[in-house]
Protein backbone atom coordinates (compact mmCIF):
# COMPACT_ATOMS: atom_id res chain seq x y z
CA UNK A 1 143.72 1.01 53.40
CA UNK A 2 143.92 -2.36 55.21
CA UNK A 3 145.08 -5.55 53.63
CA UNK A 4 141.95 -7.28 55.03
CA UNK A 5 139.90 -5.64 52.22
CA UNK A 6 141.99 -7.21 49.51
CA UNK A 7 140.66 -10.81 50.25
CA UNK A 8 137.26 -12.26 50.80
CA UNK A 9 136.19 -13.08 54.34
CA UNK A 10 137.31 -16.58 55.47
CA UNK A 11 135.79 -16.59 58.98
CA UNK A 12 132.73 -18.49 57.67
CA UNK A 13 134.90 -21.36 56.30
CA UNK A 14 136.10 -22.44 59.73
CA UNK A 15 134.38 -23.40 62.98
CA UNK A 16 137.23 -21.64 64.87
CA UNK A 17 137.93 -17.92 64.72
CA UNK A 18 140.54 -15.96 66.60
CA UNK A 19 141.77 -12.49 67.32
CA UNK A 20 145.28 -12.32 65.80
CA UNK A 21 148.37 -10.31 66.66
CA UNK A 22 150.81 -10.46 63.61
CA UNK A 23 154.46 -9.78 64.65
CA UNK A 24 157.74 -9.25 62.91
CA UNK A 25 161.04 -8.41 64.51
CA UNK A 26 164.41 -7.47 63.09
CA UNK A 27 167.25 -8.57 65.40
CA UNK A 28 170.96 -8.10 65.92
CA UNK A 29 171.58 -11.85 65.49
CA UNK A 30 169.96 -15.24 65.63
CA UNK A 31 170.41 -16.33 69.29
CA UNK A 32 167.65 -14.93 71.53
CA UNK A 33 169.65 -15.22 74.77
CA UNK A 34 172.55 -13.20 73.30
CA UNK A 35 171.13 -10.90 70.69
CA UNK A 36 168.65 -8.08 70.84
CA UNK A 37 165.41 -6.83 69.03
CA UNK A 38 166.20 -3.75 66.83
CA UNK A 39 162.70 -3.05 65.55
CA UNK A 40 159.33 -4.51 65.96
CA UNK A 41 155.88 -4.20 64.29
CA UNK A 42 152.58 -5.59 65.59
CA UNK A 43 149.29 -5.62 63.60
CA UNK A 44 146.08 -6.87 65.20
CA UNK A 45 143.23 -8.45 63.24
CA UNK A 46 139.78 -9.50 64.28
CA UNK A 47 138.30 -12.95 63.52
CA UNK A 48 136.98 -11.55 60.27
CA UNK A 49 140.36 -10.49 59.15
CA UNK A 50 139.70 -6.78 59.56
CA UNK A 51 142.69 -4.75 60.86
CA UNK A 52 141.97 -3.40 64.38
CA UNK A 53 145.36 -1.88 65.30
CA UNK A 54 148.96 -1.30 64.29
CA UNK A 55 152.23 -0.39 66.15
CA UNK A 56 155.83 -0.25 65.03
CA UNK A 57 159.02 1.26 66.38
CA UNK A 58 162.79 1.19 66.15
CA UNK A 59 164.42 0.09 69.37
CA UNK A 60 167.76 0.99 70.91
CA UNK A 61 169.36 -2.30 71.98
CA UNK A 62 172.39 -0.79 73.72
CA UNK A 63 174.71 -3.06 71.68
CA UNK A 64 176.17 -3.63 68.20
CA UNK A 65 173.13 -3.93 65.78
CA UNK A 66 174.82 -6.84 63.91
CA UNK A 67 174.25 -7.54 60.18
CA UNK A 68 173.42 -4.00 59.01
CA UNK A 69 173.78 -5.23 55.42
CA UNK A 70 170.66 -7.32 55.96
CA UNK A 71 168.32 -5.14 58.01
CA UNK A 72 169.79 -1.64 57.25
CA UNK A 73 169.50 -0.59 60.94
CA UNK A 74 172.77 1.34 61.66
CA UNK A 75 173.68 2.68 65.13
CA UNK A 76 172.86 6.17 63.81
CA UNK A 77 169.32 5.14 62.91
CA UNK A 78 168.75 3.44 66.32
CA UNK A 79 170.25 6.35 68.32
CA UNK A 80 167.44 8.06 70.23
CA UNK A 81 165.02 5.12 69.73
CA UNK A 82 163.22 3.83 72.92
CA UNK A 83 164.51 0.77 74.71
CA UNK A 84 162.29 -2.35 74.72
CA UNK A 85 161.41 -1.89 78.33
CA UNK A 86 160.00 1.59 77.49
CA UNK A 87 157.44 0.14 74.99
CA UNK A 88 156.90 -3.31 76.52
CA UNK A 89 153.63 -2.23 78.01
CA UNK A 90 152.27 -1.10 74.59
CA UNK A 91 153.35 -4.31 72.96
CA UNK A 92 151.81 -6.48 75.78
CA UNK A 93 148.50 -4.69 75.37
CA UNK A 94 148.45 -5.65 71.61
CA UNK A 95 149.40 -9.30 72.28
CA UNK A 96 147.19 -10.01 75.24
CA UNK A 97 144.28 -12.45 74.56
CA UNK A 98 145.35 -12.85 70.90
CA UNK A 99 147.09 -15.61 68.98
CA UNK A 100 150.60 -14.45 68.07
CA UNK A 101 151.28 -15.01 64.36
CA UNK A 102 154.67 -14.80 62.69
CA UNK A 103 156.54 -16.44 59.79
CA UNK A 104 158.80 -18.85 61.65
CA UNK A 105 156.88 -17.93 64.75
CA UNK A 106 159.25 -19.63 67.25
CA UNK A 107 162.02 -17.21 66.32
CA UNK A 108 159.86 -14.15 67.04
CA UNK A 109 158.34 -15.71 70.12
CA UNK A 110 161.76 -16.64 71.57
CA UNK A 111 163.17 -13.19 71.02
CA UNK A 112 160.09 -11.50 72.61
CA UNK A 113 160.21 -13.88 75.54
CA UNK A 114 163.75 -12.89 76.32
CA UNK A 115 163.09 -9.19 75.84
CA UNK A 116 160.11 -9.27 78.21
CA UNK A 117 162.20 -11.26 80.70
CA UNK A 118 165.02 -8.66 80.60
CA UNK A 119 162.34 -6.09 81.32
CA UNK A 120 161.15 -8.08 84.25
CA UNK A 121 157.84 -8.90 82.60
CA UNK A 122 156.01 -11.96 81.29
CA UNK A 123 155.18 -12.27 77.57
CA UNK A 124 151.29 -12.41 77.57
CA UNK A 125 150.99 -15.02 74.85
CA UNK A 126 149.40 -18.42 75.42
CA UNK A 127 149.15 -19.60 71.78
CA UNK A 128 150.99 -18.97 68.52
CA UNK A 129 150.55 -19.80 64.86
CA UNK A 130 153.45 -20.09 62.50
CA UNK A 131 152.54 -19.18 58.85
CA UNK A 132 155.58 -21.12 57.79
CA UNK A 133 154.36 -24.31 59.40
CA UNK A 134 150.83 -23.63 58.17
CA UNK A 135 152.11 -23.36 54.60
CA UNK A 136 154.08 -26.58 54.94
CA UNK A 137 150.79 -28.21 55.77
CA UNK A 138 149.02 -26.59 52.85
CA UNK A 139 152.11 -27.22 50.58
CA UNK A 140 151.41 -24.60 47.84
CA UNK A 141 153.13 -25.00 44.43
CA UNK A 142 156.00 -22.66 45.16
CA UNK A 143 159.75 -22.91 44.80
CA UNK A 144 160.18 -22.40 48.54
CA UNK A 145 158.30 -21.01 51.58
CA UNK A 146 160.11 -17.66 52.10
CA UNK A 147 157.93 -14.75 52.82
CA UNK A 148 158.60 -13.06 49.41
CA UNK A 149 157.89 -16.20 47.55
CA UNK A 150 154.51 -16.74 49.32
CA UNK A 151 153.74 -13.09 48.86
CA UNK A 152 154.22 -13.39 45.01
CA UNK A 153 152.20 -16.73 44.95
CA UNK A 154 149.28 -15.22 46.94
CA UNK A 155 149.29 -11.93 45.08
CA UNK A 156 150.39 -9.81 48.16
CA UNK A 157 152.51 -6.73 47.40
CA UNK A 158 155.85 -6.50 49.13
CA UNK A 159 157.65 -3.08 49.18
CA UNK A 160 160.69 -3.59 51.45
CA UNK A 161 161.95 -6.87 52.65
CA UNK A 162 163.41 -6.99 56.15
CA UNK A 163 161.44 -4.02 57.27
CA UNK A 164 159.33 -5.02 60.26
CA UNK A 165 156.22 -2.97 59.40
CA UNK A 166 156.17 -3.92 55.73
CA UNK A 167 156.84 -7.58 56.53
CA UNK A 168 153.89 -7.52 58.97
CA UNK A 169 151.59 -6.03 56.39
CA UNK A 170 152.64 -8.69 53.92
CA UNK A 171 152.18 -11.32 56.55
CA UNK A 172 148.55 -10.19 57.05
CA UNK A 173 147.88 -10.97 53.33
CA UNK A 174 149.63 -14.31 53.54
CA UNK A 175 147.72 -15.29 56.60
CA UNK A 176 144.37 -14.55 55.05
CA UNK A 177 145.17 -16.44 51.83
CA UNK A 178 146.65 -19.45 53.67
CA UNK A 179 143.63 -19.60 56.09
CA UNK A 180 141.42 -19.90 53.04
CA UNK A 181 143.55 -22.70 51.55
CA UNK A 182 143.65 -24.55 54.89
CA UNK A 183 139.89 -24.24 55.12
CA UNK A 184 139.32 -25.73 51.74
CA UNK A 185 141.64 -28.67 52.68
CA UNK A 186 139.96 -29.04 56.07
CA UNK A 187 143.35 -28.78 57.76
CA UNK A 188 143.46 -28.12 61.55
CA UNK A 189 145.50 -24.98 62.31
CA UNK A 190 148.94 -25.85 63.77
CA UNK A 191 148.42 -23.89 66.97
CA UNK A 192 151.22 -24.17 69.52
CA UNK A 193 150.57 -23.71 73.27
CA UNK A 194 153.13 -21.40 74.83
CA UNK A 195 153.41 -22.22 78.56
CA UNK A 196 156.67 -21.10 80.16
CA UNK A 197 159.29 -23.90 79.90
CA UNK A 198 162.06 -22.31 81.75
CA UNK A 199 163.41 -18.96 82.76
CA UNK A 200 164.87 -17.70 79.46
CA UNK A 201 167.37 -15.48 81.23
CA UNK A 202 169.33 -18.31 82.56
CA UNK A 203 168.93 -21.06 79.98
CA UNK A 204 170.52 -23.02 78.50
CA UNK A 205 173.38 -23.82 80.84
CA UNK A 206 176.88 -22.50 79.94
CA UNK A 207 178.63 -25.00 77.60
CA UNK A 208 180.97 -27.50 79.03
CA UNK A 209 184.42 -27.08 77.51
CA UNK A 210 184.49 -29.97 74.87
CA UNK A 211 187.34 -32.45 75.22
CA UNK A 212 189.69 -32.18 72.35
CA UNK A 213 190.69 -35.86 72.36
CA UNK A 214 189.28 -39.12 71.25
CA UNK A 215 188.33 -41.70 73.93
CA UNK A 216 191.32 -44.20 73.98
CA UNK A 217 189.26 -46.71 76.07
CA UNK A 218 189.41 -47.99 79.60
CA UNK A 219 192.16 -47.45 82.14
CA UNK A 220 194.43 -50.49 82.12
CA UNK A 221 195.46 -51.95 85.53
CA UNK A 222 198.71 -50.20 86.49
CA UNK A 223 198.57 -48.07 83.29
CA UNK A 224 198.46 -44.29 83.00
CA UNK A 225 195.58 -41.91 82.32
CA UNK A 226 195.41 -40.84 78.76
CA UNK A 227 193.99 -37.65 77.36
CA UNK A 228 190.39 -38.21 76.11
CA UNK A 229 189.56 -40.88 78.74
CA UNK A 230 185.97 -40.55 80.01
CA UNK A 231 186.07 -40.19 83.85
CA UNK A 232 183.03 -40.24 86.13
CA UNK A 233 183.01 -39.25 89.78
CA UNK A 234 180.61 -40.41 92.42
CA UNK A 235 180.31 -39.70 96.26
CA UNK A 236 182.12 -37.22 98.41
CA UNK A 237 185.67 -36.20 97.64
CA UNK A 238 188.36 -34.57 99.78
CA UNK A 239 189.18 -32.20 96.92
CA UNK A 240 186.33 -29.75 96.15
CA UNK A 241 184.38 -31.43 93.33
CA UNK A 242 184.49 -28.33 90.99
CA UNK A 243 188.21 -28.07 91.44
CA UNK A 244 188.79 -31.73 90.82
CA UNK A 245 186.73 -31.66 87.68
CA UNK A 246 188.43 -28.50 86.43
CA UNK A 247 191.86 -29.89 86.99
CA UNK A 248 191.02 -33.18 85.23
CA UNK A 249 189.49 -31.26 82.21
CA UNK A 250 192.56 -29.05 82.05
CA UNK A 251 194.71 -32.25 81.82
CA UNK A 252 192.72 -33.35 78.77
CA UNK A 253 190.33 -35.77 80.40
CA UNK A 254 186.66 -36.01 79.38
CA UNK A 255 184.63 -35.56 82.59
CA UNK A 256 181.18 -37.24 82.25
CA UNK A 257 178.17 -37.25 84.52
CA UNK A 258 177.15 -40.85 84.02
CA UNK A 259 178.66 -44.37 83.63
CA UNK A 260 178.32 -46.37 80.50
CA UNK A 261 180.20 -49.20 78.79
CA UNK A 262 182.50 -46.49 77.25
CA UNK A 263 183.48 -45.01 80.63
CA UNK A 264 187.27 -45.31 81.11
CA UNK A 265 187.27 -45.19 84.97
CA UNK A 266 185.02 -44.31 87.91
CA UNK A 267 186.57 -42.35 90.83
CA UNK A 268 185.01 -42.98 94.21
CA UNK A 269 186.08 -43.14 97.85
CA UNK A 270 183.28 -45.57 98.71
CA UNK A 271 182.96 -48.32 96.01
CA UNK A 272 180.29 -50.04 98.18
CA UNK A 273 178.06 -46.98 98.36
CA UNK A 274 175.51 -48.55 96.06
CA UNK A 275 175.09 -45.35 93.99
CA UNK A 276 173.70 -45.72 90.47
CA UNK A 277 177.09 -44.97 89.03
CA UNK A 278 178.88 -47.54 91.27
CA UNK A 279 176.28 -50.16 90.42
CA UNK A 280 176.57 -49.46 86.64
CA UNK A 281 180.40 -49.59 86.85
CA UNK A 282 180.22 -53.10 88.40
CA UNK A 283 177.74 -54.22 85.80
CA UNK A 284 179.82 -52.93 82.92
CA UNK A 285 183.18 -53.88 84.37
CA UNK A 286 184.50 -50.30 84.44
CA UNK A 287 187.72 -49.81 86.48
CA UNK A 288 187.16 -48.18 89.88
CA UNK A 289 189.80 -46.21 91.76
CA UNK A 290 189.84 -43.93 94.78
CA UNK A 291 190.55 -40.26 94.74
CA UNK A 292 194.21 -40.44 96.03
CA UNK A 293 195.15 -42.99 93.33
CA UNK A 294 193.37 -40.87 90.68
CA UNK A 295 195.27 -37.74 91.81
CA UNK A 296 198.55 -39.53 91.52
CA UNK A 297 197.73 -40.56 87.96
CA UNK A 298 196.57 -37.17 87.26
CA UNK A 299 199.99 -35.74 87.73
CA UNK A 300 201.25 -37.59 84.57
CA UNK A 301 198.60 -37.92 81.89
CA UNK A 302 199.73 -39.43 78.57
CA UNK A 303 199.09 -37.52 75.29
CA UNK A 304 196.00 -38.47 73.48
CA UNK A 305 194.74 -38.42 69.88
CA UNK A 306 193.02 -35.19 68.94
CA UNK A 307 189.63 -35.31 67.28
CA UNK A 308 189.84 -35.00 63.60
CA UNK A 309 189.10 -31.47 62.40
CA UNK A 310 186.82 -31.96 59.43
CA UNK A 311 187.73 -28.61 57.95
CA UNK A 312 191.37 -29.67 57.60
CA UNK A 313 191.08 -33.41 57.05
CA UNK A 314 192.00 -34.98 53.79
CA UNK A 315 189.05 -35.12 51.48
CA UNK A 316 187.24 -38.45 51.27
CA UNK A 317 186.44 -39.23 47.56
CA UNK A 318 182.87 -40.25 47.08
CA UNK A 319 182.64 -41.56 43.68
CA UNK A 320 179.71 -43.94 43.98
CA UNK A 321 176.31 -42.10 43.95
CA UNK A 322 173.92 -43.12 46.71
CA UNK A 323 171.51 -45.56 45.07
CA UNK A 324 168.85 -45.05 47.74
CA UNK A 325 168.18 -41.56 46.84
CA UNK A 326 165.43 -41.06 44.26
CA UNK A 327 164.22 -37.69 42.93
CA UNK A 328 161.00 -37.31 41.20
CA UNK A 329 161.09 -36.70 37.52
CA UNK A 330 158.21 -36.42 35.07
CA UNK A 331 156.34 -39.66 35.05
CA UNK A 332 156.71 -42.14 32.28
CA UNK A 333 153.75 -44.22 30.87
CA UNK A 334 153.27 -47.37 32.66
CA UNK A 335 153.81 -48.17 36.33
CA UNK A 336 155.82 -45.18 37.53
CA UNK A 337 154.46 -42.89 40.30
CA UNK A 338 157.26 -40.39 39.81
CA UNK A 339 155.98 -36.89 40.25
CA UNK A 340 153.04 -37.95 42.37
CA UNK A 341 152.23 -37.54 46.05
CA UNK A 342 149.87 -40.27 47.20
CA UNK A 343 147.68 -40.29 50.41
CA UNK A 344 146.67 -43.69 51.67
CA UNK A 345 143.41 -43.58 53.57
CA UNK A 346 141.84 -46.33 55.64
CA UNK A 347 143.08 -50.02 56.13
CA UNK A 348 144.69 -51.63 59.14
CA UNK A 349 148.17 -50.34 60.00
CA UNK A 350 150.00 -53.15 58.30
CA UNK A 351 148.02 -52.79 55.05
CA UNK A 352 148.48 -49.03 55.03
CA UNK A 353 152.12 -49.29 55.68
CA UNK A 354 152.49 -51.82 52.79
CA UNK A 355 150.65 -49.46 50.46
CA UNK A 356 152.89 -46.51 51.38
CA UNK A 357 155.97 -48.69 50.88
CA UNK A 358 154.68 -49.65 47.48
CA UNK A 359 154.10 -45.93 46.61
CA UNK A 360 157.78 -45.33 47.37
CA UNK A 361 158.98 -48.33 45.42
CA UNK A 362 157.19 -46.94 42.46
CA UNK A 363 159.06 -43.58 42.73
CA UNK A 364 156.25 -41.65 44.39
CA UNK A 365 156.00 -39.74 47.63
CA UNK A 366 153.83 -41.22 50.48
CA UNK A 367 151.82 -38.34 52.13
CA UNK A 368 150.70 -38.45 55.75
CA UNK A 369 148.30 -35.51 55.55
CA UNK A 370 145.98 -34.07 52.99
CA UNK A 371 147.63 -31.01 51.33
CA UNK A 372 147.54 -29.06 48.03
CA UNK A 373 150.37 -31.28 46.70
CA UNK A 374 148.54 -34.56 46.95
CA UNK A 375 147.85 -35.88 43.53
CA UNK A 376 146.16 -39.31 44.19
CA UNK A 377 144.30 -41.09 46.97
CA UNK A 378 144.40 -44.80 47.67
CA UNK A 379 141.29 -45.97 49.51
CA UNK A 380 141.69 -49.03 51.56
CA UNK A 381 138.79 -50.87 53.37
CA UNK A 382 137.41 -48.61 56.13
CA UNK A 383 138.63 -45.44 54.24
CA UNK A 384 135.09 -44.53 53.34
CA UNK A 385 134.65 -43.51 57.01
CA UNK A 386 137.62 -41.12 57.01
CA UNK A 387 136.42 -37.46 57.91
CA UNK A 388 138.68 -36.14 55.05
CA UNK A 389 136.82 -38.13 52.24
CA UNK A 390 134.11 -35.43 51.58
CA UNK A 391 137.01 -32.84 51.17
CA UNK A 392 138.87 -35.24 48.91
CA UNK A 393 135.77 -35.55 46.70
CA UNK A 394 135.28 -31.76 46.62
CA UNK A 395 138.93 -31.26 45.53
CA UNK A 396 138.27 -33.92 42.72
CA UNK A 397 141.40 -35.89 43.58
CA UNK A 398 141.63 -39.19 41.74
CA UNK A 399 140.74 -41.99 44.11
CA UNK A 400 141.90 -45.64 43.55
CA UNK A 401 141.72 -48.96 45.26
CA UNK A 402 144.67 -51.01 46.44
CA UNK A 403 144.92 -52.83 43.11
CA UNK A 404 145.87 -49.57 41.38
CA UNK A 405 149.34 -49.76 43.00
CA UNK A 406 150.15 -52.81 40.96
CA UNK A 407 150.00 -50.91 37.71
CA UNK A 408 149.13 -47.17 38.00
CA UNK A 409 148.35 -45.78 34.55
CA UNK A 410 147.05 -42.22 34.80
CA UNK A 411 149.51 -39.44 33.94
CA UNK A 412 151.16 -37.35 36.66
CA UNK A 413 149.81 -33.83 37.08
CA UNK A 414 151.59 -30.79 35.70
CA UNK A 415 152.45 -28.12 38.17
CA UNK A 416 154.28 -25.86 35.72
CA UNK A 417 157.55 -24.06 36.60
CA UNK A 418 156.43 -22.48 39.80
CA UNK A 419 156.87 -25.61 41.98
CA UNK A 420 160.31 -26.71 43.03
CA UNK A 421 161.39 -30.27 42.15
CA UNK A 422 160.13 -32.90 44.62
CA UNK A 423 162.70 -33.95 47.09
CA UNK A 424 164.76 -37.19 46.86
CA UNK A 425 162.72 -40.12 48.21
CA UNK A 426 164.64 -42.34 50.57
CA UNK A 427 163.65 -45.75 51.92
CA UNK A 428 164.49 -46.80 55.51
CA UNK A 429 168.22 -46.92 55.74
CA UNK A 430 168.67 -44.63 52.67
CA UNK A 431 171.64 -42.20 52.74
CA UNK A 432 172.34 -38.87 50.98
CA UNK A 433 175.26 -36.52 51.05
CA UNK A 434 174.51 -32.92 52.30
CA UNK A 435 175.81 -30.20 50.03
CA UNK A 436 178.90 -28.56 51.65
CA UNK A 437 178.49 -25.02 50.44
CA UNK A 438 178.97 -22.13 52.91
CA UNK A 439 175.30 -21.20 52.55
CA UNK A 440 174.05 -24.66 53.44
CA UNK A 441 175.48 -25.17 56.88
CA UNK A 442 172.21 -25.23 58.79
CA UNK A 443 170.03 -28.29 58.17
CA UNK A 444 166.63 -28.95 59.51
CA UNK A 445 165.23 -32.43 60.19
CA UNK A 446 161.44 -32.21 60.43
CA UNK A 447 159.09 -34.90 61.51
CA UNK A 448 155.33 -34.78 60.82
CA UNK A 449 152.38 -37.17 61.35
CA UNK A 450 148.64 -37.26 60.92
CA UNK A 451 146.49 -35.17 63.30
CA UNK A 452 145.36 -37.35 66.20
CA UNK A 453 144.24 -36.98 69.79
CA UNK A 454 145.29 -40.19 71.37
CA UNK A 455 148.79 -39.16 72.55
CA UNK A 456 151.52 -36.51 72.41
CA UNK A 457 154.66 -37.05 70.42
CA UNK A 458 157.94 -35.48 71.40
CA UNK A 459 160.92 -35.08 68.89
CA UNK A 460 164.31 -35.17 70.60
CA UNK A 461 167.92 -35.25 69.51
CA UNK A 462 171.24 -36.72 70.94
CA UNK A 463 174.61 -35.25 69.95
CA UNK A 464 177.01 -38.15 70.25
CA UNK A 465 180.69 -38.96 69.72
CA UNK A 466 182.38 -41.79 68.07
CA UNK A 467 181.21 -44.07 70.91
CA UNK A 468 177.57 -43.12 70.36
CA UNK A 469 177.60 -41.35 73.69
CA UNK A 470 176.79 -37.71 74.67
CA UNK A 471 179.64 -35.66 76.00
CA UNK A 472 177.37 -34.17 78.66
CA UNK A 473 173.72 -34.45 79.64
CA UNK A 474 173.08 -31.15 77.92
CA UNK A 475 173.76 -32.76 74.60
CA UNK A 476 170.30 -34.27 74.97
CA UNK A 477 167.84 -31.82 73.31
CA UNK A 478 164.21 -32.12 74.21
CA UNK A 479 161.17 -30.08 75.14
CA UNK A 480 162.36 -28.96 78.58
CA UNK A 481 165.94 -28.25 77.26
CA UNK A 482 165.26 -27.21 73.64
CA UNK A 483 168.86 -26.01 72.90
CA UNK A 484 172.24 -27.61 73.18
CA UNK A 485 174.89 -25.63 75.24
CA UNK A 486 176.43 -23.81 72.25
CA UNK A 487 173.24 -23.51 70.29
CA UNK A 488 174.34 -25.87 67.53
CA UNK A 489 171.23 -28.12 67.87
CA UNK A 490 167.72 -26.74 68.65
CA UNK A 491 164.22 -28.08 68.88
CA UNK A 492 161.51 -26.10 67.12
CA UNK A 493 157.82 -26.85 67.88
CA UNK A 494 155.80 -26.06 64.79
CA UNK A 495 152.50 -27.39 65.84
CA UNK A 496 150.69 -30.54 67.18
CA UNK A 497 151.66 -32.54 64.04
CA UNK A 498 155.18 -31.27 63.26
CA UNK A 499 158.50 -30.69 65.16
CA UNK A 500 161.93 -29.84 63.81
CA UNK A 501 165.56 -30.38 64.94
CA UNK A 502 167.75 -27.72 63.41
CA UNK A 503 171.51 -28.37 63.21
CA UNK A 504 174.24 -25.72 62.68
CA UNK A 505 177.06 -27.74 61.21
CA UNK A 506 179.64 -25.07 61.63
CA UNK A 507 179.09 -24.82 65.40
CA UNK A 508 179.12 -28.60 66.14
CA UNK A 509 181.63 -29.44 68.92
CA UNK A 510 184.80 -31.31 67.72
CA UNK A 511 183.84 -34.51 69.43
CA UNK A 512 180.35 -34.57 67.81
CA UNK A 513 180.17 -37.25 65.10
CA UNK A 514 176.47 -37.68 64.81
CA UNK A 515 173.13 -35.99 65.64
CA UNK A 516 170.50 -38.67 66.26
CA UNK A 517 166.90 -37.46 65.85
CA UNK A 518 164.31 -39.48 67.68
CA UNK A 519 160.62 -39.43 68.52
CA UNK A 520 158.93 -40.76 71.70
CA UNK A 521 155.35 -41.23 72.84
CA UNK A 522 154.33 -40.60 76.37
CA UNK A 523 151.90 -43.10 77.85
CA UNK A 524 150.18 -46.14 76.66
CA UNK A 525 149.70 -45.55 72.93
CA UNK A 526 152.33 -46.71 70.42
CA UNK A 527 153.56 -45.70 66.97
CA UNK A 528 151.24 -48.34 65.58
CA UNK A 529 148.39 -46.10 66.75
CA UNK A 530 149.98 -42.98 65.21
CA UNK A 531 150.58 -44.44 61.78
CA UNK A 532 153.19 -43.03 59.32
CA UNK A 533 155.78 -40.46 60.17
CA UNK A 534 157.13 -38.37 57.45
CA UNK A 535 160.75 -37.09 57.83
CA UNK A 536 162.36 -34.32 55.62
CA UNK A 537 165.62 -32.63 55.63
CA UNK A 538 166.20 -29.10 54.28
CA UNK A 539 168.91 -26.33 54.32
CA UNK A 540 166.86 -24.07 56.57
CA UNK A 541 163.20 -23.80 57.56
CA UNK A 542 162.09 -21.91 54.49
CA UNK A 543 163.96 -23.95 51.87
CA UNK A 544 162.80 -26.80 49.74
CA UNK A 545 163.49 -30.17 51.27
CA UNK A 546 166.43 -32.07 49.89
CA UNK A 547 165.16 -35.47 50.90
CA UNK A 548 162.21 -37.10 52.53
CA UNK A 549 161.18 -40.59 53.93
CA UNK A 550 157.91 -41.99 55.20
CA UNK A 551 158.43 -44.60 57.97
CA UNK A 552 155.89 -46.87 59.58
CA UNK A 553 156.58 -48.57 62.91
CA UNK A 554 155.19 -51.95 63.39
CA UNK A 555 152.68 -51.96 66.35
CA UNK A 556 154.27 -51.80 69.71
CA UNK A 557 157.04 -49.19 69.49
CA UNK A 558 157.06 -46.23 71.89
CA UNK A 559 160.31 -44.72 70.72
CA UNK A 560 161.77 -44.39 67.24
CA UNK A 561 165.12 -43.44 65.77
CA UNK A 562 163.98 -41.34 62.95
CA UNK A 563 167.08 -40.09 61.23
CA UNK A 564 170.73 -39.08 61.63
CA UNK A 565 173.01 -36.38 60.42
CA UNK A 566 176.52 -37.68 60.68
CA UNK A 567 180.09 -36.99 59.61
CA UNK A 568 181.96 -38.98 57.00
CA UNK A 569 185.47 -37.46 56.77
CA UNK A 570 184.97 -33.87 55.82
CA UNK A 571 181.42 -34.47 54.60
CA UNK A 572 178.02 -34.58 56.33
CA UNK A 573 175.39 -37.12 55.50
CA UNK A 574 171.78 -37.74 56.23
CA UNK A 575 170.44 -41.21 56.86
CA UNK A 576 166.84 -42.23 57.18
CA UNK A 577 166.59 -44.77 60.04
CA UNK A 578 163.00 -45.68 61.09
CA UNK A 579 163.95 -48.13 63.86
CA UNK A 580 161.55 -48.49 66.69
CA UNK A 581 161.84 -49.74 70.21
CA UNK A 582 159.25 -50.83 72.86
CA UNK A 583 160.92 -49.00 75.75
CA UNK A 584 160.27 -45.28 76.70
CA UNK A 585 162.38 -42.18 76.28
CA UNK A 586 164.23 -42.55 79.59
CA UNK A 587 165.62 -45.93 78.57
CA UNK A 588 166.59 -44.55 75.13
CA UNK A 589 168.36 -41.64 76.61
CA UNK A 590 170.36 -43.96 78.95
CA UNK A 591 171.68 -45.90 76.00
CA UNK A 592 173.26 -42.68 74.72
CA UNK A 593 174.87 -42.00 78.15
CA UNK A 594 172.38 -39.47 79.48
CA UNK A 595 172.18 -39.54 83.28
CA UNK A 596 168.37 -40.06 83.87
CA UNK A 597 167.41 -40.39 87.52
CA UNK A 598 164.51 -42.65 88.39
């Protein structure tokens, strides 16, 4: 029996219809470039949802299978199974000319990309669909978005969690049900194009050994070098450059690839060379010395101050609750919007932004897309031409004019016990402490915006030290370099209206004090054209968000600082920023010390 027969056909609800390849993998770990696929299942569906094929197998990875207590795949079970290379052709045939579907699809896609690369082959996938991202758009009334939770919500039987074949069959039922919900809401599918970004066998670069010492500042005239000083080199050197850098790093210096106001000294044998580093050093007043003088100082480097280890630092008492964080509670009679999610439709940018700000002031959540969680719609002038209005009417959502925001009176809807509490609502500048339990060391910062075609938006991240500078260029995470050297910060592309920066707090380098999450527009459009951007933070991609903020740029900004995750003593905190700039991404990256060539 196929799962397709358990739900009515949804192909007639959408203008687009696809052949699907549903995939689930069990792996020896979480890092695709290091770990291996232990089992894989692929189920193919036609545009009508009918199953057309199925394949599953265990795989012999030739390595330790990792967390057996999770997936149950012991070395004994995997012994005698084929290698990935031996079945790659069968898998490729099932994936070719189909949209790859998975729950947290980038995870499965990245692992398959690496496995195909190890086999000397190309993964034949040009588009993928993440059912996790699709359900975030639909926003069903569930406690979280884990596969088992969604299966229970949509009435899909689940026999054995973390079994690739069973998970794929469950995924088929969830896909069909979610496609129907998305069609009812007229939501575009968050399809992700999958062009090759880089050779996965050689990316990212090996991590630079992090400097263990704080930056003591600039080199004083006649003074010694001190551990932690940021040293840049430009031009030819008599000593082999790699040897000079290695010796300097071994002495405790922080070797950087660019010059900023925080650079302690620039080493060059030709200060008049006119290189970009030399010009910047002159502009910033950074001390310049030649190679021989530097080598003499390198023989006697003064001790520096080690970076504070947050796991051993004295606890910092936080006795004052953060007043900016506001969690939705059942609405009281009167003017409260607590427990409501309000979509503002129409209006010029400034009026729409003011309306969303008012929603937050009243304790509500300002939506940027139509979803199953929207409770009310505020219709501003021009909103009657919005293409979503017929769908809003068919869903019988209460529609109000702008005056309603001065004194909303209707009661908040009741979702029952299935839905998790709404997240804390933060204004711009709002701060909230992140829970410090061992199970909550990975935090996702997601940004989403309304579907539009005028431009592409890129979410990026900078891992910076106490000087607000990156330790190396690879601490700039963006589309072409989507992972920091040690994997602690990654970019996940979940669709054309949502991107996520995921941060593993336990793996952060000792010098890292902050992860700055930003967004940038390429080309002429600005964030005034895009409208509101919603930012959430959650302990993992499937978990309920802890906090959210909706920010509106003014009119001309092309880059925005969205949010920060930063250290405060032994704690980590999340701050909603929402600060926009008129300059582009290259200029923004340079302010954080990234070496961007013209």
